[in-house]
C-alpha atoms as a PDB file:
ATOM      1  CA  MET A   1      69.519 165.503  53.340  1.00  0.00           C
ATOM      2  CA  ASP A   2      70.418 166.633  49.989  1.00  0.00           C
ATOM      3  CA  VAL A   3      72.702 164.875  47.580  1.00  0.00           C
ATOM      4  CA  SER A   4      75.569 167.280  47.610  1.00  0.00           C
ATOM      5  CA  ALA A   5      75.422 166.812  51.804  1.00  0.00           C
ATOM      6  CA  ALA A   6      75.500 162.958  51.161  1.00  0.00           C
ATOM      7  CA  ALA A   7      78.425 163.187  48.777  1.00  0.00           C
ATOM      8  CA  ALA A   8      80.363 164.738  51.149  1.00  0.00           C
ATOM      9  CA  LEU A   9      79.545 162.717  54.000  1.00  0.00           C
ATOM     10  CA  GLY A  10      80.505 159.549  51.754  1.00  0.00           C
ATOM     11  CA  ALA A  11      83.537 161.391  50.738  1.00  0.00           C
ATOM     12  CA  GLY A  12      84.656 162.045  54.208  1.00  0.00           C
ATOM     13  CA  LEU A  13      83.994 158.519  55.526  1.00  0.00           C
ATOM     14  CA  ALA A  14      85.581 156.382  52.350  1.00  0.00           C
ATOM     15  CA  ALA A  15      88.807 158.617  52.819  1.00  0.00           C
ATOM     16  CA  GLY A  16      88.596 158.407  56.782  1.00  0.00           C
ATOM     17  CA  LEU A  17      88.369 154.456  56.377  1.00  0.00           C
ATOM     18  CA  ALA A  18      90.465 154.333  53.429  1.00  0.00           C
ATOM     19  CA  ALA A  19      93.268 155.985  56.050  1.00  0.00           C
ATOM     20  CA  LEU A  20      92.549 153.671  58.802  1.00  0.00           C
ATOM     21  CA  GLY A  21      92.761 150.911  56.403  1.00  0.00           C
ATOM     22  CA  ALA A  22      96.217 152.135  55.331  1.00  0.00           C
ATOM     23  CA  SER A  23      97.735 152.438  58.946  1.00  0.00           C
ATOM     24  CA  LEU A  24      96.778 149.175  59.969  1.00  0.00           C
ATOM     25  CA  GLY A  25      98.346 147.603  56.861  1.00  0.00           C
ATOM     26  CA  ASN A  26     101.658 149.917  57.273  1.00  0.00           C
ATOM     27  CA  GLY A  27     102.004 148.602  60.472  1.00  0.00           C
ATOM     28  CA  SER A  28     101.533 145.141  59.660  1.00  0.00           C
ATOM     29  CA  VAL A  29     104.158 145.266  57.052  1.00  0.00           C
ATOM     30  CA  VAL A  30     106.834 146.961  59.108  1.00  0.00           C
ATOM     31  CA  THR A  31     106.132 144.479  62.015  1.00  0.00           C
ATOM     32  CA  LYS A  32     106.768 141.492  59.885  1.00  0.00           C
ATOM     33  CA  THR A  33     109.848 143.392  58.283  1.00  0.00           C
ATOM     34  CA  LEU A  34     111.135 144.055  61.777  1.00  0.00           C
ATOM     35  CA  GLU A  35     110.604 140.605  62.599  1.00  0.00           C
ATOM     36  CA  GLY A  36     112.328 138.997  59.658  1.00  0.00           C
ATOM     37  CA  ILE A  37     115.434 141.723  60.025  1.00  0.00           C
ATOM     38  CA  ALA A  38     115.499 140.074  64.050  1.00  0.00           C
ATOM     39  CA  ARG A  39     115.810 136.771  62.558  1.00  0.00           C
ATOM     40  CA  GLN A  40     118.046 137.233  59.787  1.00  0.00           C
ATOM     41  CA  PRO A  41     120.024 140.506  59.843  1.00  0.00           C
ATOM     42  CA  GLU A  42     122.105 139.407  56.748  1.00  0.00           C
ATOM     43  CA  ALA A  43     118.596 139.495  54.651  1.00  0.00           C
ATOM     44  CA  LYS A  44     118.008 143.284  55.828  1.00  0.00           C
ATOM     45  CA  ALA A  45     118.410 144.884  52.182  1.00  0.00           C
ATOM     46  CA  SER A  46     116.173 142.771  50.480  1.00  0.00           C
ATOM     47  CA  LEU A  47     113.631 143.067  53.407  1.00  0.00           C
ATOM     48  CA  GLN A  48     113.575 146.743  53.383  1.00  0.00           C
ATOM     49  CA  SER A  49     113.443 147.163  49.957  1.00  0.00           C
ATOM     50  CA  THR A  50     109.938 144.615  49.583  1.00  0.00           C
ATOM     51  CA  MET A  51     108.903 146.495  52.641  1.00  0.00           C
ATOM     52  CA  PHE A  52     109.484 150.024  50.718  1.00  0.00           C
ATOM     53  CA  ILE A  53     107.755 148.710  47.914  1.00  0.00           C
ATOM     54  CA  GLY A  54     104.654 146.840  49.955  1.00  0.00           C
ATOM     55  CA  VAL A  55     104.158 150.112  51.615  1.00  0.00           C
ATOM     56  CA  GLY A  56     104.019 152.054  48.497  1.00  0.00           C
ATOM     57  CA  LEU A  57     101.515 150.002  46.953  1.00  0.00           C
ATOM     58  CA  ILE A  58      98.954 150.232  50.460  1.00  0.00           C
ATOM     59  CA  GLU A  59      99.644 154.331  50.412  1.00  0.00           C
ATOM     60  CA  ALA A  60      98.026 154.006  46.744  1.00  0.00           C
ATOM     61  CA  LEU A  61      94.851 153.362  48.192  1.00  0.00           C
ATOM     62  CA  PRO A  62      94.225 156.068  50.379  1.00  0.00           C
ATOM     63  CA  LEU A  63      95.782 158.492  47.894  1.00  0.00           C
ATOM     64  CA  LEU A  64      93.268 156.882  45.540  1.00  0.00           C
ATOM     65  CA  THR A  65      89.900 157.151  47.849  1.00  0.00           C
ATOM     66  CA  TRP A  66      91.158 161.007  48.443  1.00  0.00           C
ATOM     67  CA  VAL A  67      90.722 161.523  44.583  1.00  0.00           C
ATOM     68  CA  LEU A  68      87.675 159.525  44.360  1.00  0.00           C
ATOM     69  CA  ALA A  69      86.086 161.316  47.374  1.00  0.00           C
ATOM     70  CA  LEU A  70      87.172 165.251  45.359  1.00  0.00           C
ATOM     71  CA  LEU A  71      85.606 163.729  42.464  1.00  0.00           C
ATOM     72  CA  LEU A  72      82.581 162.724  43.795  1.00  0.00           C
ATOM     73  CA  MET A  73      82.190 166.068  45.842  1.00  0.00           C
ATOM     74  CA  PHE A  74      82.610 168.528  43.216  1.00  0.00           C
ATOM     75  CA  THR A  75      80.871 166.798  40.180  1.00  0.00           C
ATOM     76  CA  LYS A  76      77.713 167.744  39.583  1.00  0.00           C
END
């Protein structure tokens, strides 16, 4: 296996695992937010804004991994 094939395999594996981790994290955040809203409906606005910030931070990981994977694949 040459270096470019290993780089492509590593980039795909990293991007896939980052997407899997982000989807599990997003599911957990949204689940806990919905549980909090069910328990205290008056705190909905506060919980939703915190949830959106958390989801945005979680989504940063796959985007950074995707950029890193592209850099890994296309640098010589």
